[in-house]
Each structure stands twice: as structure tokens, then as C-alpha cells.
Full PDB file with SEQRES, HELIX, SHEET, SSBOND, CRYST1, ORIGX, SCALE, CONECT and MASTER records, all heavy atoms in Angstrom:
SEQRES   1 A   33  ASN ASN ALA GLU ASP ASN LYS GLY VAL ARG ALA THR VAL          
SEQRES   2 A   33  VAL ASN SER GLU ASP PRO ASP THR GLY GLU PRO SER SER          
SEQRES   3 A   33  ARG LEU VAL PHE PHE SER GLU                                  
SHEET    1 AA1 2 VAL A   9  GLU A  17  0                                        
SHEET    2 AA1 2 PRO A  24  SER A  32 -1                                        
CRYST1    1.000    1.000    1.000  90.00  90.00  90.00 P 1           1          
ORIGX1      1.000000  0.000000  0.000000        0.00000                         
ORIGX2      0.000000  1.000000  0.000000        0.00000                         
ORIGX3      0.000000  0.000000  1.000000        0.00000                         
SCALE1      1.000000  0.000000  0.000000        0.00000                         
SCALE2      0.000000  1.000000  0.000000        0.00000                         
SCALE3      0.000000  0.000000  1.000000        0.00000                         
ATOM      1  N   ASN A   1      27.039 -11.536 -35.983  1.00  0.00           N  
ATOM      2  CA  ASN A   1      26.738 -11.688 -37.430  1.00  0.00           C  
ATOM      3  C   ASN A   1      27.999 -11.823 -38.286  1.00  0.00           C  
ATOM      4  O   ASN A   1      27.962 -12.452 -39.301  1.00  0.00           O  
ATOM      5  CB  ASN A   1      25.869 -10.534 -37.888  1.00  0.00           C  
ATOM      6  CG  ASN A   1      24.509 -10.509 -37.236  1.00  0.00           C  
ATOM      7  OD1 ASN A   1      23.987 -11.490 -36.821  1.00  0.00           O  
ATOM      8  ND2 ASN A   1      23.900  -9.344 -37.173  1.00  0.00           N  
ATOM      9  N   ASN A   2      29.063 -11.180 -37.832  1.00  0.00           N  
ATOM     10  CA  ASN A   2      30.291 -11.171 -38.646  1.00  0.00           C  
ATOM     11  C   ASN A   2      31.297 -12.222 -38.204  1.00  0.00           C  
ATOM     12  O   ASN A   2      32.387 -12.301 -38.819  1.00  0.00           O  
ATOM     13  CB  ASN A   2      30.936  -9.808 -38.556  1.00  0.00           C  
ATOM     14  CG  ASN A   2      30.061  -8.682 -39.208  1.00  0.00           C  
ATOM     15  OD1 ASN A   2      29.365  -8.982 -40.178  1.00  0.00           O  
ATOM     16  ND2 ASN A   2      30.175  -7.454 -38.693  1.00  0.00           N  
ATOM     17  N   ALA A   3      30.954 -13.010 -37.253  1.00  0.00           N  
ATOM     18  CA  ALA A   3      31.915 -14.101 -36.792  1.00  0.00           C  
ATOM     19  C   ALA A   3      32.209 -15.081 -37.902  1.00  0.00           C  
ATOM     20  O   ALA A   3      31.299 -15.583 -38.617  1.00  0.00           O  
ATOM     21  CB  ALA A   3      31.275 -14.854 -35.602  1.00  0.00           C  
ATOM     22  N   GLU A   4      33.483 -15.275 -38.087  1.00  0.00           N  
ATOM     23  CA  GLU A   4      33.913 -16.146 -39.239  1.00  0.00           C  
ATOM     24  C   GLU A   4      33.368 -17.588 -39.155  1.00  0.00           C  
ATOM     25  O   GLU A   4      33.023 -18.201 -40.167  1.00  0.00           O  
ATOM     26  CB  GLU A   4      35.463 -16.165 -39.328  1.00  0.00           C  
ATOM     27  CG  GLU A   4      36.064 -14.886 -39.806  1.00  0.00           C  
ATOM     28  CD  GLU A   4      37.545 -14.964 -40.046  1.00  0.00           C  
ATOM     29  OE1 GLU A   4      38.051 -16.082 -39.893  1.00  0.00           O  
ATOM     30  OE2 GLU A   4      38.186 -13.935 -40.321  1.00  0.00           O  
ATOM     31  N   ASP A   5      33.323 -18.155 -37.994  1.00  0.00           N  
ATOM     32  CA  ASP A   5      32.869 -19.536 -37.882  1.00  0.00           C  
ATOM     33  C   ASP A   5      31.398 -19.653 -37.379  1.00  0.00           C  
ATOM     34  O   ASP A   5      30.993 -20.625 -36.824  1.00  0.00           O  
ATOM     35  CB  ASP A   5      33.762 -20.322 -36.836  1.00  0.00           C  
ATOM     36  CG  ASP A   5      33.730 -19.731 -35.448  1.00  0.00           C  
ATOM     37  OD1 ASP A   5      33.292 -18.569 -35.299  1.00  0.00           O  
ATOM     38  OD2 ASP A   5      34.105 -20.427 -34.475  1.00  0.00           O  
ATOM     39  N   ASN A   6      30.628 -18.545 -37.605  1.00  0.00           N  
ATOM     40  CA  ASN A   6      29.196 -18.591 -37.304  1.00  0.00           C  
ATOM     41  C   ASN A   6      28.542 -19.759 -38.026  1.00  0.00           C  
ATOM     42  O   ASN A   6      28.652 -19.862 -39.261  1.00  0.00           O  
ATOM     43  CB  ASN A   6      28.551 -17.242 -37.689  1.00  0.00           C  
ATOM     44  CG  ASN A   6      27.139 -17.144 -37.207  1.00  0.00           C  
ATOM     45  OD1 ASN A   6      26.325 -18.028 -37.290  1.00  0.00           O  
ATOM     46  ND2 ASN A   6      26.857 -15.876 -36.595  1.00  0.00           N  
ATOM     47  N   LYS A   7      27.821 -20.604 -37.327  1.00  0.00           N  
ATOM     48  CA  LYS A   7      27.181 -21.763 -37.894  1.00  0.00           C  
ATOM     49  C   LYS A   7      25.767 -21.565 -38.394  1.00  0.00           C  
ATOM     50  O   LYS A   7      25.156 -22.480 -38.860  1.00  0.00           O  
ATOM     51  CB  LYS A   7      27.250 -22.894 -36.878  1.00  0.00           C  
ATOM     52  CG  LYS A   7      28.587 -23.281 -36.294  1.00  0.00           C  
ATOM     53  CD  LYS A   7      29.544 -23.758 -37.359  1.00  0.00           C  
ATOM     54  CE  LYS A   7      30.890 -24.128 -36.730  1.00  0.00           C  
ATOM     55  NZ  LYS A   7      31.862 -24.470 -37.739  1.00  0.00           N  
ATOM     56  N   GLY A   8      25.321 -20.339 -38.238  1.00  0.00           N  
ATOM     57  CA  GLY A   8      23.958 -20.099 -38.726  1.00  0.00           C  
ATOM     58  C   GLY A   8      23.064 -19.386 -37.738  1.00  0.00           C  
ATOM     59  O   GLY A   8      21.854 -19.622 -37.740  1.00  0.00           O  
ATOM     60  N   VAL A   9      23.597 -18.487 -36.927  1.00  0.00           N  
ATOM     61  CA  VAL A   9      22.844 -17.677 -35.965  1.00  0.00           C  
ATOM     62  C   VAL A   9      22.970 -16.238 -36.367  1.00  0.00           C  
ATOM     63  O   VAL A   9      24.079 -15.759 -36.620  1.00  0.00           O  
ATOM     64  CB  VAL A   9      23.287 -17.909 -34.508  1.00  0.00           C  
ATOM     65  CG1 VAL A   9      22.521 -16.985 -33.589  1.00  0.00           C  
ATOM     66  CG2 VAL A   9      23.071 -19.356 -34.113  1.00  0.00           C  
ATOM     67  N   ARG A  10      21.831 -15.506 -36.324  1.00  0.00           N  
ATOM     68  CA  ARG A  10      21.888 -14.101 -36.626  1.00  0.00           C  
ATOM     69  C   ARG A  10      21.292 -13.379 -35.421  1.00  0.00           C  
ATOM     70  O   ARG A  10      20.513 -13.917 -34.606  1.00  0.00           O  
ATOM     71  CB  ARG A  10      21.054 -13.786 -37.836  1.00  0.00           C  
ATOM     72  CG  ARG A  10      21.686 -14.224 -39.127  1.00  0.00           C  
ATOM     73  CD  ARG A  10      22.903 -13.411 -39.438  1.00  0.00           C  
ATOM     74  NE  ARG A  10      23.666 -13.903 -40.598  1.00  0.00           N  
ATOM     75  CZ  ARG A  10      24.772 -14.602 -40.486  1.00  0.00           C  
ATOM     76  NH1 ARG A  10      25.224 -15.001 -39.323  1.00  0.00           N  
ATOM     77  NH2 ARG A  10      25.472 -14.970 -41.561  1.00  0.00           N  
ATOM     78  N   ALA A  11      21.801 -12.113 -35.242  1.00  0.00           N  
ATOM     79  CA  ALA A  11      21.338 -11.316 -34.067  1.00  0.00           C  
ATOM     80  C   ALA A  11      20.958  -9.930 -34.534  1.00  0.00           C  
ATOM     81  O   ALA A  11      21.454  -9.377 -35.503  1.00  0.00           O  
ATOM     82  CB  ALA A  11      22.449 -11.257 -33.046  1.00  0.00           C  
ATOM     83  N   THR A  12      19.979  -9.336 -33.856  1.00  0.00           N  
ATOM     84  CA  THR A  12      19.571  -7.995 -34.148  1.00  0.00           C  
ATOM     85  C   THR A  12      19.108  -7.336 -32.792  1.00  0.00           C  
ATOM     86  O   THR A  12      18.871  -8.039 -31.822  1.00  0.00           O  
ATOM     87  CB  THR A  12      18.400  -7.979 -35.179  1.00  0.00           C  
ATOM     88  OG1 THR A  12      18.254  -6.595 -35.604  1.00  0.00           O  
ATOM     89  CG2 THR A  12      17.158  -8.513 -34.611  1.00  0.00           C  
ATOM     90  N   VAL A  13      18.954  -6.041 -32.830  1.00  0.00           N  
ATOM     91  CA  VAL A  13      18.485  -5.263 -31.644  1.00  0.00           C  
ATOM     92  C   VAL A  13      16.957  -4.886 -31.910  1.00  0.00           C  
ATOM     93  O   VAL A  13      16.657  -4.343 -32.968  1.00  0.00           O  
ATOM     94  CB  VAL A  13      19.306  -4.002 -31.397  1.00  0.00           C  
ATOM     95  CG1 VAL A  13      18.690  -3.223 -30.223  1.00  0.00           C  
ATOM     96  CG2 VAL A  13      20.771  -4.396 -31.192  1.00  0.00           C  
ATOM     97  N   VAL A  14      16.119  -5.163 -30.969  1.00  0.00           N  
ATOM     98  CA  VAL A  14      14.734  -4.862 -31.070  1.00  0.00           C  
ATOM     99  C   VAL A  14      14.413  -3.836 -29.930  1.00  0.00           C  
ATOM    100  O   VAL A  14      14.708  -4.132 -28.744  1.00  0.00           O  
ATOM    101  CB  VAL A  14      13.781  -6.107 -30.965  1.00  0.00           C  
ATOM    102  CG1 VAL A  14      12.367  -5.673 -30.905  1.00  0.00           C  
ATOM    103  CG2 VAL A  14      14.055  -6.997 -32.088  1.00  0.00           C  
ATOM    104  N   ASN A  15      13.861  -2.738 -30.290  1.00  0.00           N  
ATOM    105  CA  ASN A  15      13.417  -1.671 -29.355  1.00  0.00           C  
ATOM    106  C   ASN A  15      11.899  -1.767 -29.120  1.00  0.00           C  
ATOM    107  O   ASN A  15      11.145  -1.680 -30.116  1.00  0.00           O  
ATOM    108  CB  ASN A  15      13.845  -0.324 -29.830  1.00  0.00           C  
ATOM    109  CG  ASN A  15      15.333  -0.193 -30.064  1.00  0.00           C  
ATOM    110  OD1 ASN A  15      16.090  -0.511 -29.135  1.00  0.00           O  
ATOM    111  ND2 ASN A  15      15.734   0.259 -31.208  1.00  0.00           N  
ATOM    112  N   SER A  16      11.484  -2.038 -27.887  1.00  0.00           N  
ATOM    113  CA  SER A  16      10.028  -2.086 -27.547  1.00  0.00           C  
ATOM    114  C   SER A  16       9.843  -1.843 -26.107  1.00  0.00           C  
ATOM    115  O   SER A  16      10.789  -1.521 -25.334  1.00  0.00           O  
ATOM    116  CB  SER A  16       9.565  -3.474 -27.964  1.00  0.00           C  
ATOM    117  OG  SER A  16      10.175  -4.481 -27.132  1.00  0.00           O  
ATOM    118  N   GLU A  17       8.631  -1.962 -25.668  1.00  0.00           N  
ATOM    119  CA  GLU A  17       8.350  -1.869 -24.215  1.00  0.00           C  
ATOM    120  C   GLU A  17       8.663  -3.150 -23.484  1.00  0.00           C  
ATOM    121  O   GLU A  17       8.439  -4.239 -24.000  1.00  0.00           O  
ATOM    122  CB  GLU A  17       6.863  -1.504 -23.983  1.00  0.00           C  
ATOM    123  CG  GLU A  17       6.475  -0.118 -24.394  1.00  0.00           C  
ATOM    124  CD  GLU A  17       5.003   0.167 -23.930  1.00  0.00           C  
ATOM    125  OE1 GLU A  17       4.363  -0.750 -23.422  1.00  0.00           O  
ATOM    126  OE2 GLU A  17       4.586   1.350 -24.159  1.00  0.00           O  
ATOM    127  N   ASP A  18       9.225  -3.006 -22.351  1.00  0.00           N  
ATOM    128  CA  ASP A  18       9.415  -4.164 -21.459  1.00  0.00           C  
ATOM    129  C   ASP A  18       8.009  -4.593 -20.975  1.00  0.00           C  
ATOM    130  O   ASP A  18       7.284  -3.799 -20.310  1.00  0.00           O  
ATOM    131  CB  ASP A  18      10.347  -3.826 -20.254  1.00  0.00           C  
ATOM    132  CG  ASP A  18      10.626  -5.027 -19.405  1.00  0.00           C  
ATOM    133  OD1 ASP A  18       9.786  -5.963 -19.313  1.00  0.00           O  
ATOM    134  OD2 ASP A  18      11.753  -5.033 -18.834  1.00  0.00           O  
ATOM    135  N   PRO A  19       7.542  -5.806 -21.288  1.00  0.00           N  
ATOM    136  CA  PRO A  19       6.233  -6.194 -20.918  1.00  0.00           C  
ATOM    137  C   PRO A  19       6.017  -6.212 -19.367  1.00  0.00           C  
ATOM    138  O   PRO A  19       4.838  -6.112 -18.880  1.00  0.00           O  
ATOM    139  CB  PRO A  19       6.003  -7.590 -21.521  1.00  0.00           C  
ATOM    140  CG  PRO A  19       7.437  -8.069 -21.699  1.00  0.00           C  
ATOM    141  CD  PRO A  19       8.261  -6.871 -22.040  1.00  0.00           C  
ATOM    142  N   ASP A  20       7.090  -6.307 -18.612  1.00  0.00           N  
ATOM    143  CA  ASP A  20       6.956  -6.293 -17.140  1.00  0.00           C  
ATOM    144  C   ASP A  20       6.854  -4.939 -16.562  1.00  0.00           C  
ATOM    145  O   ASP A  20       6.069  -4.666 -15.635  1.00  0.00           O  
ATOM    146  CB  ASP A  20       8.152  -7.052 -16.516  1.00  0.00           C  
ATOM    147  CG  ASP A  20       8.191  -8.511 -16.920  1.00  0.00           C  
ATOM    148  OD1 ASP A  20       7.107  -9.126 -17.126  1.00  0.00           O  
ATOM    149  OD2 ASP A  20       9.270  -9.121 -17.006  1.00  0.00           O  
ATOM    150  N   THR A  21       7.583  -3.965 -17.116  1.00  0.00           N  
ATOM    151  CA  THR A  21       7.638  -2.659 -16.574  1.00  0.00           C  
ATOM    152  C   THR A  21       6.838  -1.614 -17.389  1.00  0.00           C  
ATOM    153  O   THR A  21       6.464  -0.535 -16.937  1.00  0.00           O  
ATOM    154  CB  THR A  21       9.091  -2.155 -16.446  1.00  0.00           C  
ATOM    155  OG1 THR A  21       9.597  -1.992 -17.744  1.00  0.00           O  
ATOM    156  CG2 THR A  21       9.899  -3.131 -15.596  1.00  0.00           C  
ATOM    157  N   GLY A  22       6.660  -1.964 -18.657  1.00  0.00           N  
ATOM    158  CA  GLY A  22       6.049  -0.975 -19.542  1.00  0.00           C  
ATOM    159  C   GLY A  22       6.918   0.119 -20.010  1.00  0.00           C  
ATOM    160  O   GLY A  22       6.471   1.061 -20.688  1.00  0.00           O  
ATOM    161  N   GLU A  23       8.183   0.077 -19.600  1.00  0.00           N  
ATOM    162  CA  GLU A  23       9.151   1.153 -20.022  1.00  0.00           C  
ATOM    163  C   GLU A  23       9.812   0.849 -21.330  1.00  0.00           C  
ATOM    164  O   GLU A  23       9.947  -0.287 -21.713  1.00  0.00           O  
ATOM    165  CB  GLU A  23      10.247   1.264 -18.875  1.00  0.00           C  
ATOM    166  CG  GLU A  23       9.746   1.643 -17.540  1.00  0.00           C  
ATOM    167  CD  GLU A  23       9.175   3.010 -17.472  1.00  0.00           C  
ATOM    168  OE1 GLU A  23       9.722   3.896 -18.203  1.00  0.00           O  
ATOM    169  OE2 GLU A  23       8.183   3.238 -16.777  1.00  0.00           O  
ATOM    170  N   PRO A  24      10.178   1.941 -22.041  1.00  0.00           N  
ATOM    171  CA  PRO A  24      10.874   1.732 -23.320  1.00  0.00           C  
ATOM    172  C   PRO A  24      12.174   0.999 -23.076  1.00  0.00           C  
ATOM    173  O   PRO A  24      12.970   1.367 -22.188  1.00  0.00           O  
ATOM    174  CB  PRO A  24      11.216   3.193 -23.773  1.00  0.00           C  
ATOM    175  CG  PRO A  24      10.157   4.039 -23.090  1.00  0.00           C  
ATOM    176  CD  PRO A  24       9.928   3.398 -21.804  1.00  0.00           C  
ATOM    177  N   SER A  25      12.383  -0.071 -23.832  1.00  0.00           N  
ATOM    178  CA  SER A  25      13.544  -0.977 -23.554  1.00  0.00           C  
ATOM    179  C   SER A  25      14.130  -1.509 -24.855  1.00  0.00           C  
ATOM    180  O   SER A  25      13.550  -1.318 -25.905  1.00  0.00           O  
ATOM    181  CB  SER A  25      13.091  -2.146 -22.679  1.00  0.00           C  
ATOM    182  OG  SER A  25      12.529  -1.639 -21.442  1.00  0.00           O  
ATOM    183  N   SER A  26      15.242  -2.147 -24.703  1.00  0.00           N  
ATOM    184  CA  SER A  26      15.937  -2.774 -25.868  1.00  0.00           C  
ATOM    185  C   SER A  26      16.386  -4.156 -25.463  1.00  0.00           C  
ATOM    186  O   SER A  26      16.639  -4.414 -24.277  1.00  0.00           O  
ATOM    187  CB  SER A  26      17.121  -1.931 -26.344  1.00  0.00           C  
ATOM    188  OG  SER A  26      16.715  -0.665 -26.729  1.00  0.00           O  
ATOM    189  N   ARG A  27      16.536  -5.061 -26.408  1.00  0.00           N  
ATOM    190  CA  ARG A  27      17.090  -6.364 -26.155  1.00  0.00           C  
ATOM    191  C   ARG A  27      17.643  -6.993 -27.461  1.00  0.00           C  
ATOM    192  O   ARG A  27      17.309  -6.551 -28.573  1.00  0.00           O  
ATOM    193  CB  ARG A  27      16.059  -7.332 -25.593  1.00  0.00           C  
ATOM    194  CG  ARG A  27      14.949  -7.726 -26.475  1.00  0.00           C  
ATOM    195  CD  ARG A  27      14.097  -8.826 -25.848  1.00  0.00           C  
ATOM    196  NE  ARG A  27      12.927  -9.165 -26.625  1.00  0.00           N  
ATOM    197  CZ  ARG A  27      12.154 -10.178 -26.320  1.00  0.00           C  
ATOM    198  NH1 ARG A  27      12.422 -11.032 -25.287  1.00  0.00           N  
ATOM    199  NH2 ARG A  27      11.066 -10.470 -27.067  1.00  0.00           N  
ATOM    200  N   LEU A  28      18.467  -7.979 -27.300  1.00  0.00           N  
ATOM    201  CA  LEU A  28      19.027  -8.704 -28.437  1.00  0.00           C  
ATOM    202  C   LEU A  28      18.007  -9.872 -28.757  1.00  0.00           C  
ATOM    203  O   LEU A  28      17.428 -10.474 -27.850  1.00  0.00           O  
ATOM    204  CB  LEU A  28      20.358  -9.355 -28.105  1.00  0.00           C  
ATOM    205  CG  LEU A  28      21.586  -8.438 -28.009  1.00  0.00           C  
ATOM    206  CD1 LEU A  28      22.785  -9.209 -27.489  1.00  0.00           C  
ATOM    207  CD2 LEU A  28      21.870  -7.862 -29.405  1.00  0.00           C  
ATOM    208  N   VAL A  29      17.869 -10.058 -30.085  1.00  0.00           N  
ATOM    209  CA  VAL A  29      17.080 -11.213 -30.533  1.00  0.00           C  
ATOM    210  C   VAL A  29      17.944 -12.122 -31.419  1.00  0.00           C  
ATOM    211  O   VAL A  29      18.606 -11.566 -32.374  1.00  0.00           O  
ATOM    212  CB  VAL A  29      15.820 -10.728 -31.349  1.00  0.00           C  
ATOM    213  CG1 VAL A  29      15.160 -11.918 -31.978  1.00  0.00           C  
ATOM    214  CG2 VAL A  29      14.859  -9.975 -30.420  1.00  0.00           C  
ATOM    215  N   PHE A  30      18.042 -13.353 -31.049  1.00  0.00           N  
ATOM    216  CA  PHE A  30      18.851 -14.335 -31.806  1.00  0.00           C  
ATOM    217  C   PHE A  30      17.894 -15.232 -32.614  1.00  0.00           C  
ATOM    218  O   PHE A  30      16.876 -15.704 -32.036  1.00  0.00           O  
ATOM    219  CB  PHE A  30      19.641 -15.219 -30.887  1.00  0.00           C  
ATOM    220  CG  PHE A  30      20.433 -14.468 -29.814  1.00  0.00           C  
ATOM    221  CD1 PHE A  30      19.982 -14.312 -28.540  1.00  0.00           C  
ATOM    222  CD2 PHE A  30      21.629 -13.808 -30.144  1.00  0.00           C  
ATOM    223  CE1 PHE A  30      20.696 -13.642 -27.568  1.00  0.00           C  
ATOM    224  CE2 PHE A  30      22.369 -13.111 -29.208  1.00  0.00           C  
ATOM    225  CZ  PHE A  30      21.887 -12.984 -27.881  1.00  0.00           C  
ATOM    226  N   PHE A  31      18.249 -15.469 -33.852  1.00  0.00           N  
ATOM    227  CA  PHE A  31      17.352 -16.393 -34.668  1.00  0.00           C  
ATOM    228  C   PHE A  31      18.212 -17.225 -35.573  1.00  0.00           C  
ATOM    229  O   PHE A  31      19.264 -16.813 -36.037  1.00  0.00           O  
ATOM    230  CB  PHE A  31      16.330 -15.626 -35.443  1.00  0.00           C  
ATOM    231  CG  PHE A  31      16.860 -14.555 -36.376  1.00  0.00           C  
ATOM    232  CD1 PHE A  31      17.141 -14.776 -37.706  1.00  0.00           C  
ATOM    233  CD2 PHE A  31      17.129 -13.257 -35.906  1.00  0.00           C  
ATOM    234  CE1 PHE A  31      17.644 -13.820 -38.465  1.00  0.00           C  
ATOM    235  CE2 PHE A  31      17.620 -12.279 -36.682  1.00  0.00           C  
ATOM    236  CZ  PHE A  31      17.879 -12.551 -38.013  1.00  0.00           C  
ATOM    237  N   SER A  32      17.710 -18.420 -35.798  1.00  0.00           N  
ATOM    238  CA  SER A  32      18.452 -19.365 -36.616  1.00  0.00           C  
ATOM    239  C   SER A  32      18.143 -19.078 -38.081  1.00  0.00           C  
ATOM    240  O   SER A  32      17.075 -18.677 -38.446  1.00  0.00           O  
ATOM    241  CB  SER A  32      18.000 -20.825 -36.317  1.00  0.00           C  
ATOM    242  OG  SER A  32      18.561 -21.734 -37.275  1.00  0.00           O  
ATOM    243  N   GLU A  33      19.191 -19.254 -38.927  1.00  0.00           N  
ATOM    244  CA  GLU A  33      19.063 -19.056 -40.369  1.00  0.00           C  
ATOM    245  C   GLU A  33      18.154 -20.127 -41.039  1.00  0.00           C  
ATOM    246  O   GLU A  33      17.538 -19.925 -42.036  1.00  0.00           O  
ATOM    247  CB  GLU A  33      20.368 -18.979 -41.057  1.00  0.00           C  
ATOM    248  CG  GLU A  33      21.208 -17.771 -40.723  1.00  0.00           C  
ATOM    249  CD  GLU A  33      22.481 -17.712 -41.519  1.00  0.00           C  
ATOM    250  OE1 GLU A  33      23.092 -18.842 -41.712  1.00  0.00           O  
ATOM    251  OE2 GLU A  33      22.908 -16.678 -41.897  1.00  0.00           O  
TER     252      GLU A  33                                                      
MASTER        0    0    0    0    2    0    0    6  251    1    0    3          
END                                                                             
């Protein structure tokens, strides 16, 4: 998010269950501005 030459991508951390294992998990989510 703080990269100087970022062309329009944002990232965040989402905490949820892994749909495959059902265990509490985390992952990065990237989205275009």
C-alpha cells in the first residue's frame, strides 16, 4: 500500500475459515483501485 510507484493495487489481511480445512486462517487480499 505504501509503495511509491504503486499503480493502483491495494492489499489487506482477511481473517476467516479456510474453506478446505475449516480451520481459522488468514490470507492477503489484493484489489484494484
